[in-house]
Amino acid sequence: MIILGVILLIIGIVAGISILTTIGIILIVVGAILFLLGSTGRAIGGRRHYY
């Protein structure tokens, strides 16, 4: 999810499409939160790890 967010962020900046930039930032933030919670050992949504 973080990688997809970075890709969308880069495409949005290069192409000048603001909605892709916004979606990219949101995906990066959500992916980082899920990664941090998953790395602490908390099961989120029935899954132990998010990769």
PDB file of N, CA and C in Angstrom:
ATOM      1  N   MET A   1       0.840  -1.188   0.000  1.00  0.00           N
ATOM      2  CA  MET A   1       0.000   0.000   0.000  1.00  0.00           C
ATOM      3  C   MET A   1       0.877   1.240   0.000  1.00  0.00           C
ATOM      4  N   ILE A   2       1.979   1.170   0.704  1.00  0.00           N
ATOM      5  CA  ILE A   2       2.882   2.319   0.743  1.00  0.00           C
ATOM      6  C   ILE A   2       3.519   2.530  -0.632  1.00  0.00           C
ATOM      7  N   ILE A   3       3.904   1.437  -1.267  1.00  0.00           N
ATOM      8  CA  ILE A   3       4.532   1.548  -2.594  1.00  0.00           C
ATOM      9  C   ILE A   3       3.544   2.106  -3.610  1.00  0.00           C
ATOM     10  N   LEU A   4       2.297   1.633  -3.574  1.00  0.00           N
ATOM     11  CA  LEU A   4       1.271   2.163  -4.471  1.00  0.00           C
ATOM     12  C   LEU A   4       1.049   3.649  -4.219  1.00  0.00           C
ATOM     13  N   GLY A   5       1.057   4.060  -2.960  1.00  0.00           N
ATOM     14  CA  GLY A   5       0.901   5.474  -2.632  1.00  0.00           C
ATOM     15  C   GLY A   5       2.029   6.319  -3.174  1.00  0.00           C
ATOM     16  N   VAL A   6       3.254   5.807  -3.085  1.00  0.00           N
ATOM     17  CA  VAL A   6       4.407   6.546  -3.607  1.00  0.00           C
ATOM     18  C   VAL A   6       4.321   6.661  -5.128  1.00  0.00           C
ATOM     19  N   ILE A   7       3.926   5.561  -5.791  1.00  0.00           N
ATOM     20  CA  ILE A   7       3.792   5.593  -7.251  1.00  0.00           C
ATOM     21  C   ILE A   7       2.734   6.608  -7.678  1.00  0.00           C
ATOM     22  N   LEU A   8       1.571   6.574  -7.024  1.00  0.00           N
ATOM     23  CA  LEU A   8       0.518   7.531  -7.367  1.00  0.00           C
ATOM     24  C   LEU A   8       0.934   8.964  -7.066  1.00  0.00           C
ATOM     25  N   LEU A   9       1.672   9.156  -5.980  1.00  0.00           N
ATOM     26  CA  LEU A   9       2.153  10.492  -5.633  1.00  0.00           C
ATOM     27  C   LEU A   9       3.090  11.024  -6.711  1.00  0.00           C
ATOM     28  N   ILE A  10       4.011  10.196  -7.163  1.00  0.00           N
ATOM     29  CA  ILE A  10       4.958  10.622  -8.192  1.00  0.00           C
ATOM     30  C   ILE A  10       4.240  10.909  -9.509  1.00  0.00           C
ATOM     31  N   ILE A  11       3.321  10.015  -9.901  1.00  0.00           N
ATOM     32  CA  ILE A  11       2.573  10.244 -11.144  1.00  0.00           C
ATOM     33  C   ILE A  11       1.742  11.516 -11.041  1.00  0.00           C
ATOM     34  N   GLY A  12       1.115  11.739  -9.890  1.00  0.00           N
ATOM     35  CA  GLY A  12       0.304  12.937  -9.706  1.00  0.00           C
ATOM     36  C   GLY A  12       1.115  14.217  -9.789  1.00  0.00           C
ATOM     37  N   ILE A  13       2.320  14.187  -9.241  1.00  0.00           N
ATOM     38  CA  ILE A  13       3.169  15.383  -9.283  1.00  0.00           C
ATOM     39  C   ILE A  13       3.676  15.630 -10.696  1.00  0.00           C
ATOM     40  N   VAL A  14       4.142  14.556 -11.358  1.00  0.00           N
ATOM     41  CA  VAL A  14       4.705  14.716 -12.707  1.00  0.00           C
ATOM     42  C   VAL A  14       3.631  15.135 -13.709  1.00  0.00           C
ATOM     43  N   ALA A  15       2.443  14.489 -13.624  1.00  0.00           N
ATOM     44  CA  ALA A  15       1.383  14.773 -14.586  1.00  0.00           C
ATOM     45  C   ALA A  15       0.564  16.011 -14.203  1.00  0.00           C
ATOM     46  N   GLY A  16       0.717  16.469 -12.991  1.00  0.00           N
ATOM     47  CA  GLY A  16      -0.032  17.649 -12.560  1.00  0.00           C
ATOM     48  C   GLY A  16      -1.477  17.345 -12.214  1.00  0.00           C
ATOM     49  N   ILE A  17      -1.759  16.103 -11.857  1.00  0.00           N
ATOM     50  CA  ILE A  17      -3.126  15.700 -11.509  1.00  0.00           C
ATOM     51  C   ILE A  17      -3.231  15.678  -9.983  1.00  0.00           C
ATOM     52  N   SER A  18      -3.980  16.607  -9.446  1.00  0.00           N
ATOM     53  CA  SER A  18      -4.015  16.774  -7.994  1.00  0.00           C
ATOM     54  C   SER A  18      -4.735  15.636  -7.277  1.00  0.00           C
ATOM     55  N   ILE A  19      -5.723  14.992  -7.928  1.00  0.00           N
ATOM     56  CA  ILE A  19      -6.450  13.918  -7.256  1.00  0.00           C
ATOM     57  C   ILE A  19      -5.532  12.707  -7.030  1.00  0.00           C
ATOM     58  N   LEU A  20      -4.618  12.443  -7.969  1.00  0.00           N
ATOM     59  CA  LEU A  20      -3.664  11.344  -7.778  1.00  0.00           C
ATOM     60  C   LEU A  20      -2.691  11.657  -6.652  1.00  0.00           C
ATOM     61  N   THR A  21      -2.288  12.900  -6.545  1.00  0.00           N
ATOM     62  CA  THR A  21      -1.402  13.303  -5.457  1.00  0.00           C
ATOM     63  C   THR A  21      -2.092  13.119  -4.114  1.00  0.00           C
ATOM     64  N   THR A  22      -3.357  13.516  -4.026  1.00  0.00           N
ATOM     65  CA  THR A  22      -4.112  13.377  -2.785  1.00  0.00           C
ATOM     66  C   THR A  22      -4.307  11.912  -2.413  1.00  0.00           C
ATOM     67  N   ILE A  23      -4.683  11.093  -3.378  1.00  0.00           N
ATOM     68  CA  ILE A  23      -4.870   9.662  -3.108  1.00  0.00           C
ATOM     69  C   ILE A  23      -3.542   9.025  -2.705  1.00  0.00           C
ATOM     70  N   GLY A  24      -2.454   9.425  -3.335  1.00  0.00           N
ATOM     71  CA  GLY A  24      -1.134   8.905  -2.985  1.00  0.00           C
ATOM     72  C   GLY A  24      -0.747   9.220  -1.554  1.00  0.00           C
ATOM     73  N   ILE A  25      -1.007  10.442  -1.130  1.00  0.00           N
ATOM     74  CA  ILE A  25      -0.689  10.828   0.250  1.00  0.00           C
ATOM     75  C   ILE A  25      -1.533  10.035   1.240  1.00  0.00           C
ATOM     76  N   ILE A  26      -2.811   9.868   0.931  1.00  0.00           N
ATOM     77  CA  ILE A  26      -3.696   9.108   1.818  1.00  0.00           C
ATOM     78  C   ILE A  26      -3.226   7.661   1.929  1.00  0.00           C
ATOM     79  N   LEU A  27      -2.860   7.039   0.805  1.00  0.00           N
ATOM     80  CA  LEU A  27      -2.389   5.657   0.839  1.00  0.00           C
ATOM     81  C   LEU A  27      -1.086   5.511   1.607  1.00  0.00           C
ATOM     82  N   ILE A  28      -0.203   6.478   1.488  1.00  0.00           N
ATOM     83  CA  ILE A  28       1.049   6.425   2.246  1.00  0.00           C
ATOM     84  C   ILE A  28       0.775   6.493   3.739  1.00  0.00           C
ATOM     85  N   VAL A  29      -0.105   7.385   4.158  1.00  0.00           N
ATOM     86  CA  VAL A  29      -0.419   7.535   5.585  1.00  0.00           C
ATOM     87  C   VAL A  29      -1.100   6.279   6.128  1.00  0.00           C
ATOM     88  N   VAL A  30      -2.099   5.768   5.414  1.00  0.00           N
ATOM     89  CA  VAL A  30      -2.807   4.569   5.873  1.00  0.00           C
ATOM     90  C   VAL A  30      -1.860   3.373   5.894  1.00  0.00           C
ATOM     91  N   GLY A  31      -1.033   3.225   4.878  1.00  0.00           N
ATOM     92  CA  GLY A  31      -0.074   2.133   4.843  1.00  0.00           C
ATOM     93  C   GLY A  31       0.930   2.211   5.972  1.00  0.00           C
ATOM     94  N   ALA A  32       1.385   3.409   6.303  1.00  0.00           N
ATOM     95  CA  ALA A  32       2.330   3.569   7.402  1.00  0.00           C
ATOM     96  C   ALA A  32       1.686   3.216   8.737  1.00  0.00           C
ATOM     97  N   ILE A  33       0.439   3.624   8.930  1.00  0.00           N
ATOM     98  CA  ILE A  33      -0.263   3.297  10.175  1.00  0.00           C
ATOM     99  C   ILE A  33      -0.456   1.794  10.308  1.00  0.00           C
ATOM    100  N   LEU A  34      -0.894   1.138   9.227  1.00  0.00           N
ATOM    101  CA  LEU A  34      -1.071  -0.312   9.264  1.00  0.00           C
ATOM    102  C   LEU A  34       0.259  -1.027   9.474  1.00  0.00           C
ATOM    103  N   PHE A  35       1.320  -0.526   8.877  1.00  0.00           N
ATOM    104  CA  PHE A  35       2.631  -1.138   9.059  1.00  0.00           C
ATOM    105  C   PHE A  35       3.089  -1.021  10.507  1.00  0.00           C
ATOM    106  N   LEU A  36       2.917   0.154  11.104  1.00  0.00           N
ATOM    107  CA  LEU A  36       3.341   0.339  12.491  1.00  0.00           C
ATOM    108  C   LEU A  36       2.536  -0.519  13.452  1.00  0.00           C
ATOM    109  N   LEU A  37       1.226  -0.567  13.262  1.00  0.00           N
ATOM    110  CA  LEU A  37       0.401  -1.391  14.142  1.00  0.00           C
ATOM    111  C   LEU A  37       0.688  -2.876  13.944  1.00  0.00           C
ATOM    112  N   GLY A  38       0.928  -3.283  12.706  1.00  0.00           N
ATOM    113  CA  GLY A  38       1.240  -4.682  12.441  1.00  0.00           C
ATOM    114  C   GLY A  38       2.596  -5.089  12.976  1.00  0.00           C
ATOM    115  N   SER A  39       3.559  -4.171  12.966  1.00  0.00           N
ATOM    116  CA  SER A  39       4.893  -4.503  13.458  1.00  0.00           C
ATOM    117  C   SER A  39       4.946  -4.581  14.979  1.00  0.00           C
ATOM    118  N   THR A  40       3.974  -4.003  15.667  1.00  0.00           N
ATOM    119  CA  THR A  40       3.943  -4.097  17.125  1.00  0.00           C
ATOM    120  C   THR A  40       3.285  -5.386  17.589  1.00  0.00           C
ATOM    121  N   GLY A  41       2.760  -6.179  16.653  1.00  0.00           N
ATOM    122  CA  GLY A  41       2.170  -7.456  17.024  1.00  0.00           C
ATOM    123  C   GLY A  41       0.667  -7.420  17.179  1.00  0.00           C
ATOM    124  N   ARG A  42       0.053  -6.288  16.934  1.00  0.00           N
ATOM    125  CA  ARG A  42      -1.405  -6.199  17.046  1.00  0.00           C
ATOM    126  C   ARG A  42      -2.044  -6.770  15.789  1.00  0.00           C
ATOM    127  N   ALA A  43      -3.044  -7.606  15.979  1.00  0.00           N
ATOM    128  CA  ALA A  43      -3.787  -8.136  14.838  1.00  0.00           C
ATOM    129  C   ALA A  43      -4.838  -7.109  14.436  1.00  0.00           C
ATOM    130  N   ILE A  44      -4.816  -6.712  13.185  1.00  0.00           N
ATOM    131  CA  ILE A  44      -5.740  -5.692  12.682  1.00  0.00           C
ATOM    132  C   ILE A  44      -6.602  -6.333  11.613  1.00  0.00           C
ATOM    133  N   GLY A  45      -7.885  -6.311  11.789  1.00  0.00           N
ATOM    134  CA  GLY A  45      -8.781  -6.884  10.805  1.00  0.00           C
ATOM    135  C   GLY A  45      -8.588  -8.378  10.629  1.00  0.00           C
ATOM    136  N   GLY A  46      -8.150  -9.069  11.681  1.00  0.00           N
ATOM    137  CA  GLY A  46      -7.941 -10.502  11.608  1.00  0.00           C
ATOM    138  C   GLY A  46      -6.616 -10.907  11.003  1.00  0.00           C
ATOM    139  N   ARG A  47      -5.788  -9.942  10.648  1.00  0.00           N
ATOM    140  CA  ARG A  47      -4.493 -10.265  10.049  1.00  0.00           C
ATOM    141  C   ARG A  47      -3.377  -9.821  10.987  1.00  0.00           C
ATOM    142  N   ARG A  48      -2.374 -10.653  11.114  1.00  0.00           N
ATOM    143  CA  ARG A  48      -1.262 -10.342  11.988  1.00  0.00           C
ATOM    144  C   ARG A  48      -0.266  -9.386  11.315  1.00  0.00           C
ATOM    145  N   HIS A  49      -0.034  -9.542  10.010  1.00  0.00           N
ATOM    146  CA  HIS A  49       0.946  -8.710   9.300  1.00  0.00           C
ATOM    147  C   HIS A  49       0.328  -8.129   8.040  1.00  0.00           C
ATOM    148  N   TYR A  50       0.716  -6.927   7.707  1.00  0.00           N
ATOM    149  CA  TYR A  50       0.372  -6.293   6.433  1.00  0.00           C
ATOM    150  C   TYR A  50       1.649  -6.058   5.673  1.00  0.00           C
ATOM    151  N   TYR A  51       1.762  -6.612   4.496  1.00  0.00           N
ATOM    152  CA  TYR A  51       2.991  -6.467   3.713  1.00  0.00           C
ATOM    153  C   TYR A  51       2.736  -5.645   2.497  1.00  0.00           C
TER     154      TYR A  51
END
